[in-house]
N, C-alpha and C. Protein backbone atom coordinates (compact mmCIF):
# COMPACT_ATOMS: atom_id res chain seq x y z
N MET A 1 7.11 8.90 4.04
CA MET A 1 6.04 8.12 3.53
C MET A 1 6.24 7.36 2.31
N HIS A 2 5.58 6.07 2.40
CA HIS A 2 5.78 5.02 1.34
C HIS A 2 5.05 5.49 0.10
N GLY A 3 5.42 4.77 -0.94
CA GLY A 3 4.91 4.97 -2.17
C GLY A 3 3.27 5.06 -2.36
N PHE A 4 2.71 4.14 -1.74
CA PHE A 4 1.16 3.99 -1.90
C PHE A 4 0.54 4.43 -0.64
N GLN A 5 1.05 5.19 0.36
CA GLN A 5 0.60 5.49 1.40
C GLN A 5 -0.03 6.76 1.18
N ASP A 6 -1.23 7.03 1.79
CA ASP A 6 -2.06 8.28 1.69
C ASP A 6 -1.45 9.25 2.58
N GLY A 7 -1.96 10.44 2.64
CA GLY A 7 -1.58 11.43 3.61
C GLY A 7 -1.77 11.11 5.03
N ALA A 8 -2.80 10.37 5.34
CA ALA A 8 -2.98 9.99 6.73
C ALA A 8 -2.18 8.76 7.11
N ALA A 9 -1.63 8.85 8.20
CA ALA A 9 -0.69 7.84 8.64
C ALA A 9 -1.31 6.33 8.70
N GLY A 10 -0.67 5.47 8.19
CA GLY A 10 -1.08 4.16 8.25
C GLY A 10 -2.19 3.78 7.23
N VAL A 11 -2.52 4.76 6.31
CA VAL A 11 -3.53 4.44 5.23
C VAL A 11 -2.78 4.27 3.88
N PHE A 12 -2.91 3.18 3.38
CA PHE A 12 -2.35 2.78 1.94
C PHE A 12 -3.50 2.68 0.95
N CYS A 13 -3.26 3.09 -0.24
CA CYS A 13 -4.23 2.87 -1.30
C CYS A 13 -3.68 2.28 -2.59
N ALA A 14 -4.54 1.74 -3.38
CA ALA A 14 -4.21 1.22 -4.73
C ALA A 14 -5.44 1.28 -5.63
N GLY A 15 -5.13 1.08 -7.00
CA GLY A 15 -6.18 1.07 -7.82
C GLY A 15 -6.73 2.39 -8.15
N ASP A 16 -8.00 2.38 -8.41
CA ASP A 16 -8.73 3.52 -8.87
C ASP A 16 -8.82 4.70 -7.85
N VAL A 17 -8.56 4.36 -6.62
CA VAL A 17 -8.55 5.52 -5.53
C VAL A 17 -7.34 6.34 -5.65
N ARG A 18 -6.18 5.80 -6.14
CA ARG A 18 -4.88 6.30 -6.03
C ARG A 18 -4.75 7.50 -7.28
N HIS A 19 -4.32 8.52 -6.81
CA HIS A 19 -4.06 9.64 -7.75
C HIS A 19 -2.94 9.11 -8.81
N GLY A 20 -3.35 9.29 -10.04
CA GLY A 20 -2.49 8.94 -11.10
C GLY A 20 -2.52 7.51 -11.61
N SER A 21 -3.66 6.86 -10.95
CA SER A 21 -3.85 5.25 -11.41
C SER A 21 -4.30 5.40 -12.99
N ILE A 22 -4.05 4.45 -13.67
CA ILE A 22 -4.42 4.27 -15.12
C ILE A 22 -5.65 3.74 -15.23
N LYS A 23 -6.49 3.18 -14.06
CA LYS A 23 -7.70 2.73 -14.07
C LYS A 23 -7.85 1.30 -14.89
N ARG A 24 -6.90 0.43 -14.57
CA ARG A 24 -6.90 -0.80 -15.26
C ARG A 24 -6.90 -1.87 -14.22
N VAL A 25 -7.54 -2.97 -14.33
CA VAL A 25 -7.73 -4.25 -13.39
C VAL A 25 -6.26 -4.55 -13.02
N ALA A 26 -5.40 -5.02 -14.18
CA ALA A 26 -4.11 -5.41 -13.94
C ALA A 26 -3.31 -4.46 -12.93
N SER A 27 -3.44 -3.19 -13.23
CA SER A 27 -2.50 -2.14 -12.59
C SER A 27 -3.08 -2.29 -10.97
N GLY A 28 -4.34 -2.27 -10.91
CA GLY A 28 -4.78 -2.46 -9.54
C GLY A 28 -4.51 -3.58 -8.66
N VAL A 29 -4.41 -4.69 -9.37
CA VAL A 29 -4.00 -5.79 -8.68
C VAL A 29 -2.48 -5.76 -8.44
N GLY A 30 -1.61 -5.24 -9.21
CA GLY A 30 -0.05 -5.10 -8.97
C GLY A 30 0.01 -4.01 -8.02
N GLU A 31 -0.72 -2.91 -7.87
CA GLU A 31 -0.64 -1.83 -6.94
C GLU A 31 -0.95 -2.37 -5.56
N GLY A 32 -1.99 -3.21 -5.60
CA GLY A 32 -2.46 -3.79 -4.26
C GLY A 32 -1.39 -4.78 -3.65
N SER A 33 -0.72 -5.55 -4.63
CA SER A 33 0.30 -6.29 -4.14
C SER A 33 1.38 -5.61 -3.58
N MET A 34 1.84 -4.52 -4.35
CA MET A 34 2.81 -3.67 -3.82
C MET A 34 2.53 -3.00 -2.44
N SER A 35 1.22 -2.65 -2.27
CA SER A 35 0.91 -2.06 -1.05
C SER A 35 1.06 -2.96 0.14
N ILE A 36 0.60 -4.14 -0.19
CA ILE A 36 0.73 -5.28 0.94
C ILE A 36 2.27 -5.39 1.38
N SER A 37 3.01 -5.30 0.38
CA SER A 37 4.46 -5.40 0.86
C SER A 37 4.86 -4.18 1.72
N LEU A 38 4.45 -3.09 1.32
CA LEU A 38 4.92 -1.98 2.07
C LEU A 38 4.20 -1.78 3.41
N ILE A 39 2.93 -2.34 3.52
CA ILE A 39 2.46 -2.50 4.85
C ILE A 39 3.19 -3.41 5.78
N HIS A 40 3.71 -4.42 5.14
CA HIS A 40 4.61 -5.37 5.92
C HIS A 40 5.89 -4.71 6.41
N GLU A 41 6.33 -3.79 5.80
CA GLU A 41 7.47 -2.80 6.17
C GLU A 41 6.99 -1.80 7.18
N TYR A 42 6.00 -1.20 6.89
CA TYR A 42 5.44 -0.18 7.71
C TYR A 42 5.08 -0.57 9.21
N LEU A 43 4.39 -1.70 9.33
CA LEU A 43 4.08 -2.03 10.63
C LEU A 43 5.04 -2.33 11.65
N PRO A 44 6.28 -3.00 11.41
CA PRO A 44 7.27 -2.88 12.37
C PRO A 44 7.93 -1.63 12.78
N LEU A 45 7.66 -0.59 11.94
CA LEU A 45 8.42 0.63 12.29
C LEU A 45 7.50 1.45 13.23
N LYS A 46 6.25 1.11 13.32
CA LYS A 46 5.17 1.59 14.27
C LYS A 46 5.17 0.70 15.52
N GLY A 47 5.91 -0.30 15.51
CA GLY A 47 5.87 -1.29 16.64
C GLY A 47 4.79 -2.31 16.60
N GLU A 48 4.40 -2.53 15.50
CA GLU A 48 3.20 -3.62 15.29
C GLU A 48 3.80 -4.83 14.64
N PRO A 49 3.39 -5.92 15.01
CA PRO A 49 4.10 -7.21 14.43
C PRO A 49 3.60 -7.33 13.08
N SER A 50 4.37 -7.72 12.05
CA SER A 50 4.07 -8.07 10.83
C SER A 50 3.59 -9.42 10.64
N LEU A 51 2.47 -9.65 9.81
CA LEU A 51 2.01 -10.99 9.66
C LEU A 51 2.67 -11.64 8.58
N ALA A 52 3.75 -11.10 7.93
CA ALA A 52 4.43 -11.72 6.68
C ALA A 52 5.15 -12.88 6.96
N PRO A 53 4.95 -13.99 6.26
CA PRO A 53 5.53 -15.17 6.39
C PRO A 53 7.04 -15.09 6.63
């Protein structure tokens, strides 16, 4: 399981909904950015094309 992946397969979370989040806008933005990078790594593992440039 990836760092921001939820217990459900293919579900990623960031910001206030993530357990252990410090509830700050800047942290939420950074976690969201990291989640997107992880999603682009996750999709090819599942046989889905990544939309990363």
